[in-house]
C-alpha atoms as a PDB file:
ATOM      1  CA  MET A   1     120.216  89.203 116.405  1.00  0.00           C
ATOM      2  CA  THR A   2     120.827  86.047 114.359  1.00  0.00           C
ATOM      3  CA  SER A   3     124.501  85.008 114.305  1.00  0.00           C
ATOM      4  CA  GLU A   4     126.394  84.146 111.116  1.00  0.00           C
ATOM      5  CA  LEU A   5     126.560  80.523 112.262  1.00  0.00           C
ATOM      6  CA  GLU A   6     122.787  80.386 112.732  1.00  0.00           C
ATOM      7  CA  LEU A   7     122.300  81.945 109.292  1.00  0.00           C
ATOM      8  CA  ASP A   8     124.613  79.383 107.712  1.00  0.00           C
ATOM      9  CA  GLU A   9     122.763  76.540 109.433  1.00  0.00           C
ATOM     10  CA  ALA A  10     119.382  77.898 108.332  1.00  0.00           C
ATOM     11  CA  ARG A  11     120.618  78.320 104.760  1.00  0.00           C
ATOM     12  CA  ALA A  12     121.909  74.730 104.789  1.00  0.00           C
ATOM     13  CA  ARG A  13     118.486  73.534 105.989  1.00  0.00           C
ATOM     14  CA  PHE A  14     116.853  75.526 103.233  1.00  0.00           C
ATOM     15  CA  LEU A  15     119.180  74.014 100.630  1.00  0.00           C
ATOM     16  CA  GLY A  16     118.358  70.582 101.986  1.00  0.00           C
ATOM     17  CA  LEU A  17     114.691  71.036 101.114  1.00  0.00           C
ATOM     18  CA  TYR A  18     115.444  71.277  97.399  1.00  0.00           C
ATOM     19  CA  ASP A  19     116.036  67.560  96.812  1.00  0.00           C
ATOM     20  CA  ARG A  20     112.853  66.628  98.645  1.00  0.00           C
ATOM     21  CA  LEU A  21     110.731  69.040  96.609  1.00  0.00           C
ATOM     22  CA  LYS A  22     112.407  68.003  93.358  1.00  0.00           C
ATOM     23  CA  ASN A  23     111.927  64.297  94.058  1.00  0.00           C
ATOM     24  CA  GLU A  24     108.272  64.805  94.961  1.00  0.00           C
ATOM     25  CA  LEU A  25     107.792  66.507  91.609  1.00  0.00           C
ATOM     26  CA  LEU A  26     109.613  63.767  89.706  1.00  0.00           C
ATOM     27  CA  GLN A  27     107.511  61.092  91.413  1.00  0.00           C
ATOM     28  CA  ASP A  28     104.176  62.853  90.925  1.00  0.00           C
ATOM     29  CA  PRO A  29     101.870  60.390  89.132  1.00  0.00           C
ATOM     30  CA  VAL A  30     100.482  63.160  86.924  1.00  0.00           C
ATOM     31  CA  PHE A  31     103.718  63.043  84.873  1.00  0.00           C
ATOM     32  CA  ASP A  32     104.313  59.277  84.516  1.00  0.00           C
ATOM     33  CA  LEU A  33     107.954  60.048  83.642  1.00  0.00           C
ATOM     34  CA  MET A  34     109.923  57.341  81.863  1.00  0.00           C
ATOM     35  CA  ASP A  35     113.600  56.940  82.783  1.00  0.00           C
ATOM     36  CA  GLU A  36     114.957  59.117  79.980  1.00  0.00           C
ATOM     37  CA  ALA A  37     112.456  61.906  80.604  1.00  0.00           C
ATOM     38  CA  GLN A  38     113.040  61.760  84.355  1.00  0.00           C
ATOM     39  CA  ARG A  39     116.789  62.114  83.890  1.00  0.00           C
ATOM     40  CA  TYR A  40     116.264  65.079  81.574  1.00  0.00           C
ATOM     41  CA  VAL A  41     113.856  66.859  83.944  1.00  0.00           C
ATOM     42  CA  GLU A  42     116.143  66.283  86.916  1.00  0.00           C
ATOM     43  CA  GLU A  43     119.159  67.644  85.044  1.00  0.00           C
ATOM     44  CA  MET A  44     117.139  70.599  83.807  1.00  0.00           C
ATOM     45  CA  LEU A  45     115.926  71.492  87.307  1.00  0.00           C
ATOM     46  CA  ASP A  46     119.367  71.102  88.877  1.00  0.00           C
ATOM     47  CA  TYR A  47     121.057  73.169  86.162  1.00  0.00           C
ATOM     48  CA  ASN A  48     118.649  76.076  86.334  1.00  0.00           C
ATOM     49  CA  ILE A  49     117.409  76.234  89.929  1.00  0.00           C
ATOM     50  CA  ARG A  50     120.488  75.404  91.957  1.00  0.00           C
ATOM     51  CA  GLY A  51     123.623  77.521  91.841  1.00  0.00           C
ATOM     52  CA  GLY A  52     122.123  80.960  92.319  1.00  0.00           C
ATOM     53  CA  LYS A  53     122.507  83.176  95.368  1.00  0.00           C
ATOM     54  CA  LEU A  54     119.049  82.012  96.585  1.00  0.00           C
ATOM     55  CA  ASN A  55     118.487  85.381  98.276  1.00  0.00           C
ATOM     56  CA  ARG A  56     114.857  85.592  97.178  1.00  0.00           C
ATOM     57  CA  GLY A  57     113.902  82.180  98.476  1.00  0.00           C
ATOM     58  CA  PHE A  58     115.873  82.279 101.712  1.00  0.00           C
ATOM     59  CA  SER A  59     114.414  85.719 102.444  1.00  0.00           C
ATOM     60  CA  VAL A  60     110.999  84.148 103.028  1.00  0.00           C
ATOM     61  CA  ILE A  61     112.412  82.203 105.978  1.00  0.00           C
ATOM     62  CA  GLN A  62     114.372  85.161 107.341  1.00  0.00           C
ATOM     63  CA  THR A  63     111.404  87.492 106.995  1.00  0.00           C
ATOM     64  CA  TYR A  64     108.986  85.058 108.629  1.00  0.00           C
ATOM     65  CA  LYS A  65     111.332  84.694 111.607  1.00  0.00           C
ATOM     66  CA  LEU A  66     111.716  88.465 111.963  1.00  0.00           C
ATOM     67  CA  LEU A  67     107.944  88.904 111.851  1.00  0.00           C
ATOM     68  CA  LYS A  68     107.748  86.460 114.766  1.00  0.00           C
ATOM     69  CA  ASP A  69     110.061  88.768 116.747  1.00  0.00           C
ATOM     70  CA  GLY A  70     113.080  86.591 116.114  1.00  0.00           C
ATOM     71  CA  GLU A  71     111.607  83.418 117.628  1.00  0.00           C
ATOM     72  CA  ASP A  72     112.952  80.137 116.310  1.00  0.00           C
ATOM     73  CA  LEU A  73     110.609  78.654 113.736  1.00  0.00           C
ATOM     74  CA  SER A  74     109.092  75.260 114.412  1.00  0.00           C
ATOM     75  CA  GLU A  75     109.916  72.439 111.996  1.00  0.00           C
ATOM     76  CA  GLU A  76     106.605  72.926 110.201  1.00  0.00           C
ATOM     77  CA  GLU A  77     106.951  76.726 110.051  1.00  0.00           C
ATOM     78  CA  PHE A  78     110.471  76.458 108.635  1.00  0.00           C
ATOM     79  CA  PHE A  79     109.380  73.858 106.101  1.00  0.00           C
ATOM     80  CA  LEU A  80     106.367  75.834 104.862  1.00  0.00           C
ATOM     81  CA  ALA A  81     108.436  79.000 104.561  1.00  0.00           C
ATOM     82  CA  GLY A  82     111.065  76.956 102.735  1.00  0.00           C
ATOM     83  CA  VAL A  83     108.509  75.602 100.271  1.00  0.00           C
ATOM     84  CA  LEU A  84     107.388  79.116  99.419  1.00  0.00           C
ATOM     85  CA  GLY A  85     111.024  80.185  99.196  1.00  0.00           C
ATOM     86  CA  TRP A  86     111.804  77.444  96.713  1.00  0.00           C
ATOM     87  CA  SER A  87     108.657  78.263  94.737  1.00  0.00           C
ATOM     88  CA  ILE A  88     110.162  81.728  94.213  1.00  0.00           C
ATOM     89  CA  GLU A  89     113.479  80.173  93.151  1.00  0.00           C
ATOM     90  CA  TRP A  90     111.497  77.981  90.697  1.00  0.00           C
ATOM     91  CA  LEU A  91     109.897  81.137  89.295  1.00  0.00           C
ATOM     92  CA  GLN A  92     113.285  82.821  89.074  1.00  0.00           C
ATOM     93  CA  ALA A  93     114.655  79.849  87.125  1.00  0.00           C
ATOM     94  CA  CYS A  94     111.727  79.939  84.696  1.00  0.00           C
ATOM     95  CA  LEU A  95     112.198  83.647  84.068  1.00  0.00           C
ATOM     96  CA  LEU A  96     115.958  83.347  83.557  1.00  0.00           C
ATOM     97  CA  VAL A  97     115.691  80.396  81.165  1.00  0.00           C
ATOM     98  CA  LEU A  98     113.270  82.326  78.963  1.00  0.00           C
ATOM     99  CA  ASP A  99     114.995  85.695  79.405  1.00  0.00           C
ATOM    100  CA  ASP A 100     118.332  84.266  78.257  1.00  0.00           C
ATOM    101  CA  ILE A 101     116.712  82.985  75.065  1.00  0.00           C
ATOM    102  CA  MET A 102     115.015  86.306  74.330  1.00  0.00           C
ATOM    103  CA  ASP A 103     118.208  88.269  75.055  1.00  0.00           C
ATOM    104  CA  ASN A 104     120.427  85.795  73.181  1.00  0.00           C
ATOM    105  CA  SER A 105     122.653  85.618  76.273  1.00  0.00           C
ATOM    106  CA  THR A 106     125.663  83.323  76.455  1.00  0.00           C
ATOM    107  CA  THR A 107     126.383  82.696  80.134  1.00  0.00           C
ATOM    108  CA  ARG A 108     124.440  82.671  83.355  1.00  0.00           C
ATOM    109  CA  ARG A 109     125.843  82.046  86.861  1.00  0.00           C
ATOM    110  CA  GLY A 110     129.258  81.270  85.452  1.00  0.00           C
ATOM    111  CA  GLN A 111     128.076  78.574  83.022  1.00  0.00           C
ATOM    112  CA  LEU A 112     126.521  78.370  79.570  1.00  0.00           C
ATOM    113  CA  CYS A 113     122.873  79.380  79.432  1.00  0.00           C
ATOM    114  CA  TRP A 114     120.641  76.308  79.400  1.00  0.00           C
ATOM    115  CA  TYR A 115     119.443  76.854  75.826  1.00  0.00           C
ATOM    116  CA  LYS A 116     123.062  77.142  74.662  1.00  0.00           C
ATOM    117  CA  LEU A 117     123.759  73.502  75.502  1.00  0.00           C
ATOM    118  CA  PRO A 118     123.788  71.553  72.199  1.00  0.00           C
ATOM    119  CA  GLU A 119     121.443  68.886  73.521  1.00  0.00           C
ATOM    120  CA  VAL A 120     118.887  71.489  74.674  1.00  0.00           C
ATOM    121  CA  GLY A 121     118.495  74.341  72.192  1.00  0.00           C
ATOM    122  CA  SER A 122     114.927  75.483  71.620  1.00  0.00           C
ATOM    123  CA  ARG A 123     113.592  72.807  73.995  1.00  0.00           C
ATOM    124  CA  ALA A 124     114.517  75.291  76.708  1.00  0.00           C
ATOM    125  CA  ILE A 125     111.343  77.238  75.883  1.00  0.00           C
ATOM    126  CA  ASN A 126     109.181  74.317  76.981  1.00  0.00           C
ATOM    127  CA  ASP A 127     111.476  73.720  79.956  1.00  0.00           C
ATOM    128  CA  GLY A 128     110.788  77.236  81.189  1.00  0.00           C
ATOM    129  CA  VAL A 129     107.048  76.660  80.849  1.00  0.00           C
ATOM    130  CA  PHE A 130     107.393  73.323  82.698  1.00  0.00           C
ATOM    131  CA  ILE A 131     109.239  74.950  85.599  1.00  0.00           C
ATOM    132  CA  LYS A 132     106.533  77.601  85.920  1.00  0.00           C
ATOM    133  CA  GLY A 133     103.733  75.019  85.780  1.00  0.00           C
ATOM    134  CA  SER A 134     105.317  72.889  88.485  1.00  0.00           C
ATOM    135  CA  ILE A 135     105.162  75.748  91.003  1.00  0.00           C
ATOM    136  CA  HIS A 136     101.403  75.310  91.428  1.00  0.00           C
ATOM    137  CA  LYS A 137     101.870  71.594  92.106  1.00  0.00           C
ATOM    138  CA  MET A 138     104.325  72.402  94.874  1.00  0.00           C
ATOM    139  CA  VAL A 139     102.163  75.067  96.503  1.00  0.00           C
ATOM    140  CA  LYS A 140      98.981  73.001  96.205  1.00  0.00           C
ATOM    141  CA  ARG A 141     100.603  69.986  97.875  1.00  0.00           C
ATOM    142  CA  TYR A 142     101.350  71.854 101.093  1.00  0.00           C
ATOM    143  CA  PHE A 143      98.969  74.810 101.253  1.00  0.00           C
ATOM    144  CA  ARG A 144      95.634  73.725  99.801  1.00  0.00           C
ATOM    145  CA  GLU A 145      94.108  73.457 103.290  1.00  0.00           C
ATOM    146  CA  LYS A 146      95.533  76.757 104.544  1.00  0.00           C
ATOM    147  CA  PRO A 147      93.154  79.722 104.924  1.00  0.00           C
ATOM    148  CA  TYR A 148      95.498  81.886 102.840  1.00  0.00           C
ATOM    149  CA  TYR A 149      95.843  79.363  99.968  1.00  0.00           C
ATOM    150  CA  VAL A 150      93.780  81.431  97.528  1.00  0.00           C
ATOM    151  CA  ASP A 151      95.739  84.538  98.514  1.00  0.00           C
ATOM    152  CA  LEU A 152      98.974  82.706  97.696  1.00  0.00           C
ATOM    153  CA  LEU A 153      97.700  81.618  94.287  1.00  0.00           C
ATOM    154  CA  GLU A 154      96.427  85.093  93.443  1.00  0.00           C
ATOM    155  CA  LEU A 155      99.693  86.664  94.597  1.00  0.00           C
ATOM    156  CA  SER A 156     101.770  84.225  92.526  1.00  0.00           C
ATOM    157  CA  ASP A 157      99.668  84.599  89.384  1.00  0.00           C
ATOM    158  CA  GLU A 158      99.487  88.375  89.630  1.00  0.00           C
ATOM    159  CA  ILE A 159     103.232  88.784  90.063  1.00  0.00           C
ATOM    160  CA  ALA A 160     104.013  86.307  87.274  1.00  0.00           C
ATOM    161  CA  LEU A 161     101.739  88.345  84.994  1.00  0.00           C
ATOM    162  CA  GLN A 162     103.292  91.651  86.098  1.00  0.00           C
ATOM    163  CA  THR A 163     106.777  90.277  85.487  1.00  0.00           C
ATOM    164  CA  SER A 164     105.799  89.049  82.025  1.00  0.00           C
ATOM    165  CA  PHE A 165     104.409  92.521  81.289  1.00  0.00           C
ATOM    166  CA  GLY A 166     107.710  94.072  82.368  1.00  0.00           C
ATOM    167  CA  GLN A 167     109.595  91.685  80.094  1.00  0.00           C
ATOM    168  CA  MET A 168     107.259  92.622  77.260  1.00  0.00           C
ATOM    169  CA  LEU A 169     107.960  96.334  77.797  1.00  0.00           C
ATOM    170  CA  ASP A 170     111.680  95.582  77.841  1.00  0.00           C
ATOM    171  CA  LEU A 171     111.500  93.564  74.624  1.00  0.00           C
ATOM    172  CA  ILE A 172     109.375  96.155  72.838  1.00  0.00           C
ATOM    173  CA  SER A 173     111.851  98.906  73.686  1.00  0.00           C
ATOM    174  CA  SER A 174     114.809  96.856  72.428  1.00  0.00           C
ATOM    175  CA  HIS A 175     113.236  95.235  69.349  1.00  0.00           C
ATOM    176  CA  GLU A 176     115.028  96.134  66.116  1.00  0.00           C
ATOM    177  CA  SER A 177     111.907  97.623  64.532  1.00  0.00           C
ATOM    178  CA  GLU A 178     111.198  99.777  67.598  1.00  0.00           C
ATOM    179  CA  ARG A 179     114.676 100.967  68.510  1.00  0.00           C
ATOM    180  CA  ASP A 180     114.519 104.656  69.256  1.00  0.00           C
ATOM    181  CA  LEU A 181     116.772 106.195  71.883  1.00  0.00           C
ATOM    182  CA  SER A 182     114.559 109.271  72.046  1.00  0.00           C
ATOM    183  CA  LYS A 183     111.996 107.135  73.905  1.00  0.00           C
ATOM    184  CA  TYR A 184     114.470 106.264  76.662  1.00  0.00           C
ATOM    185  CA  ASN A 185     113.902 108.346  79.780  1.00  0.00           C
ATOM    186  CA  ILE A 186     113.582 107.855  83.532  1.00  0.00           C
ATOM    187  CA  PRO A 187     109.763 107.329  83.608  1.00  0.00           C
ATOM    188  CA  ALA A 188     109.985 104.682  80.851  1.00  0.00           C
ATOM    189  CA  TYR A 189     112.910 103.027  82.594  1.00  0.00           C
ATOM    190  CA  ARG A 190     111.216 102.947  85.997  1.00  0.00           C
ATOM    191  CA  ARG A 191     108.072 101.430  84.466  1.00  0.00           C
ATOM    192  CA  ILE A 192     110.020  98.557  82.900  1.00  0.00           C
ATOM    193  CA  VAL A 193     111.993  97.840  86.064  1.00  0.00           C
ATOM    194  CA  GLN A 194     109.018  98.071  88.417  1.00  0.00           C
ATOM    195  CA  TYR A 195     107.228  95.332  86.512  1.00  0.00           C
ATOM    196  CA  LYS A 196     110.181  93.221  85.399  1.00  0.00           C
ATOM    197  CA  THR A 197     112.173  93.176  88.644  1.00  0.00           C
ATOM    198  CA  SER A 198     110.626  94.830  91.701  1.00  0.00           C
ATOM    199  CA  TYR A 199     107.497  92.752  92.135  1.00  0.00           C
ATOM    200  CA  TYR A 200     108.961  89.246  91.973  1.00  0.00           C
ATOM    201  CA  SER A 201     112.438  89.935  93.362  1.00  0.00           C
ATOM    202  CA  PHE A 202     111.509  92.135  96.299  1.00  0.00           C
ATOM    203  CA  TYR A 203     107.792  92.248  97.020  1.00  0.00           C
ATOM    204  CA  LEU A 204     106.991  88.548  96.486  1.00  0.00           C
ATOM    205  CA  PRO A 205     109.277  87.077  99.219  1.00  0.00           C
ATOM    206  CA  ILE A 206     108.046  89.592 101.805  1.00  0.00           C
ATOM    207  CA  ALA A 207     104.412  89.114 100.793  1.00  0.00           C
ATOM    208  CA  CYS A 208     104.733  85.327 101.157  1.00  0.00           C
ATOM    209  CA  ALA A 209     106.121  85.735 104.682  1.00  0.00           C
ATOM    210  CA  LEU A 210     103.346  88.180 105.590  1.00  0.00           C
ATOM    211  CA  LEU A 211     100.703  85.681 104.455  1.00  0.00           C
ATOM    212  CA  LEU A 212     102.397  82.925 106.473  1.00  0.00           C
ATOM    213  CA  HIS A 213     102.218  85.237 109.481  1.00  0.00           C
ATOM    214  CA  GLY A 214      98.472  85.689 108.997  1.00  0.00           C
ATOM    215  CA  GLU A 215      98.632  89.253 107.696  1.00  0.00           C
ATOM    216  CA  LYS A 216      96.451  90.921 105.081  1.00  0.00           C
ATOM    217  CA  LEU A 217      98.546  92.295 102.233  1.00  0.00           C
ATOM    218  CA  GLU A 218      96.273  95.305 101.731  1.00  0.00           C
ATOM    219  CA  ASN A 219      97.509  96.606 105.089  1.00  0.00           C
ATOM    220  CA  PHE A 220     101.087  96.841 103.826  1.00  0.00           C
ATOM    221  CA  THR A 221     100.864  99.179 100.846  1.00  0.00           C
ATOM    222  CA  ASP A 222     103.626 101.402 102.228  1.00  0.00           C
ATOM    223  CA  VAL A 223     105.910  98.380 102.555  1.00  0.00           C
ATOM    224  CA  LYS A 224     105.115  97.367  98.966  1.00  0.00           C
ATOM    225  CA  ASN A 225     106.017 100.850  97.714  1.00  0.00           C
ATOM    226  CA  ILE A 226     109.380 100.765  99.502  1.00  0.00           C
ATOM    227  CA  LEU A 227     110.115  97.332  98.045  1.00  0.00           C
ATOM    228  CA  ILE A 228     109.307  98.600  94.547  1.00  0.00           C
ATOM    229  CA  GLU A 229     111.868 101.378  95.039  1.00  0.00           C
ATOM    230  CA  MET A 230     114.348  98.830  96.365  1.00  0.00           C
ATOM    231  CA  GLY A 231     113.831  96.760  93.224  1.00  0.00           C
ATOM    232  CA  ILE A 232     114.601  99.770  91.038  1.00  0.00           C
ATOM    233  CA  PHE A 233     117.724 100.377  93.145  1.00  0.00           C
ATOM    234  CA  PHE A 234     118.718  96.730  92.570  1.00  0.00           C
ATOM    235  CA  GLN A 235     118.181  96.920  88.805  1.00  0.00           C
ATOM    236  CA  ILE A 236     120.260 100.071  88.490  1.00  0.00           C
ATOM    237  CA  GLN A 237     123.058  98.153  90.206  1.00  0.00           C
ATOM    238  CA  ASP A 238     122.537  95.344  87.671  1.00  0.00           C
ATOM    239  CA  ASP A 239     122.757  97.807  84.788  1.00  0.00           C
ATOM    240  CA  PHE A 240     126.017  99.164  86.155  1.00  0.00           C
ATOM    241  CA  LEU A 241     127.482  95.676  86.676  1.00  0.00           C
ATOM    242  CA  ASP A 242     126.422  94.600  83.168  1.00  0.00           C
ATOM    243  CA  CYS A 243     128.709  97.275  81.754  1.00  0.00           C
ATOM    244  CA  PHE A 244     131.414  97.796  84.383  1.00  0.00           C
ATOM    245  CA  GLY A 245     131.313  94.592  86.446  1.00  0.00           C
ATOM    246  CA  ASP A 246     133.850  91.766  86.252  1.00  0.00           C
ATOM    247  CA  PRO A 247     132.317  88.718  84.473  1.00  0.00           C
ATOM    248  CA  GLU A 248     134.454  86.484  86.695  1.00  0.00           C
ATOM    249  CA  VAL A 249     132.558  87.915  89.658  1.00  0.00           C
ATOM    250  CA  THR A 250     129.099  88.528  88.182  1.00  0.00           C
ATOM    251  CA  GLY A 251     129.022  85.145  86.426  1.00  0.00           C
ATOM    252  CA  LYS A 252     127.688  86.563  83.164  1.00  0.00           C
ATOM    253  CA  ILE A 253     128.854  88.547  80.160  1.00  0.00           C
ATOM    254  CA  GLY A 254     126.952  91.815  79.814  1.00  0.00           C
ATOM    255  CA  THR A 255     124.927  92.358  76.633  1.00  0.00           C
ATOM    256  CA  ASP A 256     122.824  95.430  77.438  1.00  0.00           C
ATOM    257  CA  ILE A 257     124.558  97.727  74.934  1.00  0.00           C
ATOM    258  CA  GLU A 258     124.319  95.425  71.920  1.00  0.00           C
ATOM    259  CA  ASP A 259     120.772  94.419  72.921  1.00  0.00           C
ATOM    260  CA  HIS A 260     119.692  98.088  72.897  1.00  0.00           C
ATOM    261  CA  LYS A 261     118.363  97.772  76.444  1.00  0.00           C
ATOM    262  CA  CYS A 262     116.757 100.691  78.209  1.00  0.00           C
ATOM    263  CA  THR A 263     119.185 100.929  81.138  1.00  0.00           C
ATOM    264  CA  TRP A 264     120.003 103.510  83.766  1.00  0.00           C
ATOM    265  CA  LEU A 265     123.374 104.110  82.089  1.00  0.00           C
ATOM    266  CA  ILE A 266     121.991 104.927  78.637  1.00  0.00           C
ATOM    267  CA  VAL A 267     119.241 107.098  80.126  1.00  0.00           C
ATOM    268  CA  GLN A 268     121.829 109.076  82.122  1.00  0.00           C
ATOM    269  CA  ALA A 269     124.097 109.339  79.088  1.00  0.00           C
ATOM    270  CA  LEU A 270     121.304 110.659  76.872  1.00  0.00           C
ATOM    271  CA  GLU A 271     120.407 113.221  79.519  1.00  0.00           C
ATOM    272  CA  HIS A 272     123.949 114.578  79.959  1.00  0.00           C
ATOM    273  CA  ALA A 273     125.699 114.011  76.607  1.00  0.00           C
ATOM    274  CA  ASN A 274     126.702 116.858  74.299  1.00  0.00           C
ATOM    275  CA  ASP A 275     125.855 116.787  70.584  1.00  0.00           C
ATOM    276  CA  ASP A 276     128.991 114.885  69.580  1.00  0.00           C
ATOM    277  CA  GLN A 277     128.455 112.289  72.281  1.00  0.00           C
ATOM    278  CA  LEU A 278     124.795 111.920  71.362  1.00  0.00           C
ATOM    279  CA  LYS A 279     125.797 111.176  67.765  1.00  0.00           C
ATOM    280  CA  ILE A 280     128.137 108.431  68.970  1.00  0.00           C
ATOM    281  CA  LEU A 281     125.349 106.917  71.068  1.00  0.00           C
ATOM    282  CA  TYR A 282     122.775 107.030  68.277  1.00  0.00           C
ATOM    283  CA  ASP A 283     125.244 105.586  65.760  1.00  0.00           C
ATOM    284  CA  ASN A 284     126.547 102.757  67.925  1.00  0.00           C
ATOM    285  CA  TYR A 285     123.993 101.739  70.566  1.00  0.00           C
ATOM    286  CA  GLY A 286     122.304  98.421  69.870  1.00  0.00           C
ATOM    287  CA  LYS A 287     125.040  97.041  67.605  1.00  0.00           C
ATOM    288  CA  ALA A 288     126.962  93.859  68.371  1.00  0.00           C
ATOM    289  CA  ASP A 289     130.176  95.081  66.733  1.00  0.00           C
ATOM    290  CA  PRO A 290     132.800  95.215  69.541  1.00  0.00           C
ATOM    291  CA  GLU A 291     134.007  98.593  68.261  1.00  0.00           C
ATOM    292  CA  CYS A 292     130.486 100.019  68.579  1.00  0.00           C
ATOM    293  CA  ILE A 293     130.256  98.716  72.142  1.00  0.00           C
ATOM    294  CA  THR A 294     133.614 100.317  72.938  1.00  0.00           C
ATOM    295  CA  GLN A 295     132.408 103.631  71.510  1.00  0.00           C
ATOM    296  CA  VAL A 296     129.343 103.615  73.752  1.00  0.00           C
ATOM    297  CA  LYS A 297     131.391 102.707  76.814  1.00  0.00           C
ATOM    298  CA  SER A 298     133.819 105.509  76.000  1.00  0.00           C
ATOM    299  CA  VAL A 299     130.945 108.001  76.233  1.00  0.00           C
ATOM    300  CA  TYR A 300     129.910 106.505  79.578  1.00  0.00           C
ATOM    301  CA  ILE A 301     133.473 106.981  80.817  1.00  0.00           C
ATOM    302  CA  GLU A 302     133.702 110.544  79.474  1.00  0.00           C
ATOM    303  CA  LEU A 303     130.491 111.392  81.321  1.00  0.00           C
ATOM    304  CA  ASP A 304     131.931 109.817  84.486  1.00  0.00           C
ATOM    305  CA  LEU A 305     128.900 107.583  84.905  1.00  0.00           C
ATOM    306  CA  GLU A 306     130.831 105.302  87.241  1.00  0.00           C
ATOM    307  CA  ASN A 307     131.063 108.034  89.851  1.00  0.00           C
ATOM    308  CA  ALA A 308     127.497 109.121  89.086  1.00  0.00           C
ATOM    309  CA  PHE A 309     126.403 105.587  89.911  1.00  0.00           C
ATOM    310  CA  PHE A 310     128.309 105.505  93.204  1.00  0.00           C
ATOM    311  CA  GLU A 311     126.727 108.827  94.195  1.00  0.00           C
ATOM    312  CA  TYR A 312     123.287 107.518  93.242  1.00  0.00           C
ATOM    313  CA  GLU A 313     123.843 104.293  95.196  1.00  0.00           C
ATOM    314  CA  LEU A 314     124.724 106.179  98.377  1.00  0.00           C
ATOM    315  CA  SER A 315     121.902 108.726  98.123  1.00  0.00           C
ATOM    316  CA  SER A 316     119.299 106.049  97.314  1.00  0.00           C
ATOM    317  CA  TYR A 317     120.478 103.886 100.195  1.00  0.00           C
ATOM    318  CA  THR A 318     120.084 106.871 102.535  1.00  0.00           C
ATOM    319  CA  ASP A 319     116.612 107.702 101.202  1.00  0.00           C
ATOM    320  CA  LEU A 320     115.438 104.103 101.463  1.00  0.00           C
ATOM    321  CA  MET A 321     116.709 103.829 105.034  1.00  0.00           C
ATOM    322  CA  SER A 322     114.784 106.985 105.944  1.00  0.00           C
ATOM    323  CA  SER A 323     111.582 105.593 104.426  1.00  0.00           C
ATOM    324  CA  ILE A 324     112.044 102.298 106.253  1.00  0.00           C
ATOM    325  CA  GLU A 325     112.649 103.975 109.607  1.00  0.00           C
ATOM    326  CA  ALA A 326     109.402 105.927 109.186  1.00  0.00           C
ATOM    327  CA  LEU A 327     107.378 102.679 109.240  1.00  0.00           C
ATOM    328  CA  PRO A 328     105.477 102.024 112.494  1.00  0.00           C
ATOM    329  CA  ASN A 329     106.293  98.308 112.836  1.00  0.00           C
ATOM    330  CA  PRO A 330     109.838  97.597 114.164  1.00  0.00           C
ATOM    331  CA  ALA A 331     109.772  93.995 112.897  1.00  0.00           C
ATOM    332  CA  VAL A 332     108.890  95.114 109.379  1.00  0.00           C
ATOM    333  CA  GLN A 333     111.591  97.778 109.617  1.00  0.00           C
ATOM    334  CA  GLU A 334     114.179  95.114 110.398  1.00  0.00           C
ATOM    335  CA  VAL A 335     112.963  92.956 107.510  1.00  0.00           C
ATOM    336  CA  LEU A 336     113.414  95.758 105.003  1.00  0.00           C
ATOM    337  CA  LYS A 337     116.731  96.878 106.474  1.00  0.00           C
ATOM    338  CA  SER A 338     118.093  93.344 106.188  1.00  0.00           C
ATOM    339  CA  PHE A 339     117.033  93.284 102.519  1.00  0.00           C
ATOM    340  CA  LEU A 340     118.703  96.604 101.826  1.00  0.00           C
ATOM    341  CA  ARG A 341     121.937  95.709 103.591  1.00  0.00           C
ATOM    342  CA  LYS A 342     122.268  92.577 101.454  1.00  0.00           C
ATOM    343  CA  ILE A 343     122.265  94.466  98.185  1.00  0.00           C
ATOM    344  CA  TYR A 344     124.064  97.695  99.086  1.00  0.00           C
ATOM    345  CA  ARG A 345     127.411  97.900  97.253  1.00  0.00           C
ATOM    346  CA  ARG A 346     127.033  94.386  95.885  1.00  0.00           C
ATOM    347  CA  LYS A 347     129.444  93.166  93.203  1.00  0.00           C
ATOM    348  CA  ARG A 348     127.314  90.431  91.653  1.00  0.00           C
END
């Protein structure tokens, strides 16, 4: 069992890799960055990639170690796992930069969204594209001679495409011309979340570690399915925190109600509301007026969706643990259990 001290030391080593990878990118001759451009790119990367929880990226290292039965990783093994971990954090940054623009969000990780800075604005769109494009440079530099290099590229491209598809479904459902609460139900919700969240947040880190360990991903379909369910579990927590969480803790101001998002809360409300409550939801959901937002939240409170969420969280945790314990590989079991423990009853 890895001690807290060992975890802290490993996380510090992982953090230490960031500057090396960033500097290699800034010095890559393909860019020929002048001083002003280099300063801008460095600030942009620091602002958007650093400062998060880094759970996705660090999980590659933790998972790889668990797959090796807890053995200490060599310097090279740790570094390669760290590179893949940071490539996921790069992808996360790209997605958040663009997502914040599309959702017209104000804050992210306790600070203004990148595009909200006066000197950035719409340039943030290109910045998101730049971050995504630089991932391939990073992976190519260290993995082009590895036998699983093509598998890594295909995995990365496929999950980026799946995540973009999930974002598209989310945007279609919340677009002003398409807003229709009658279309919001559990199957529609699960489809959005599976593509927008589960693949890149949960499956991708584990899949990277499996490839590092020399495994074939087609042999781990059951693991992938559990991770998809874990991603849905995670997003339902996010939906709850968007409405009922403390912005001082979550680091962002929730906008799901005014953005007409298809969330677990609105789906549950539509399923259990009486006629009067349904009228309030249809009249007020998707409007930025603070009074409309209050009206929607009042229905959530009347329906006791806070307690419904806590009951869901416990039952889903139990079900996921049962599915994990049914897997034949103890190392993989421990990987998934460690993932689940991290997110259970989280506050941010």
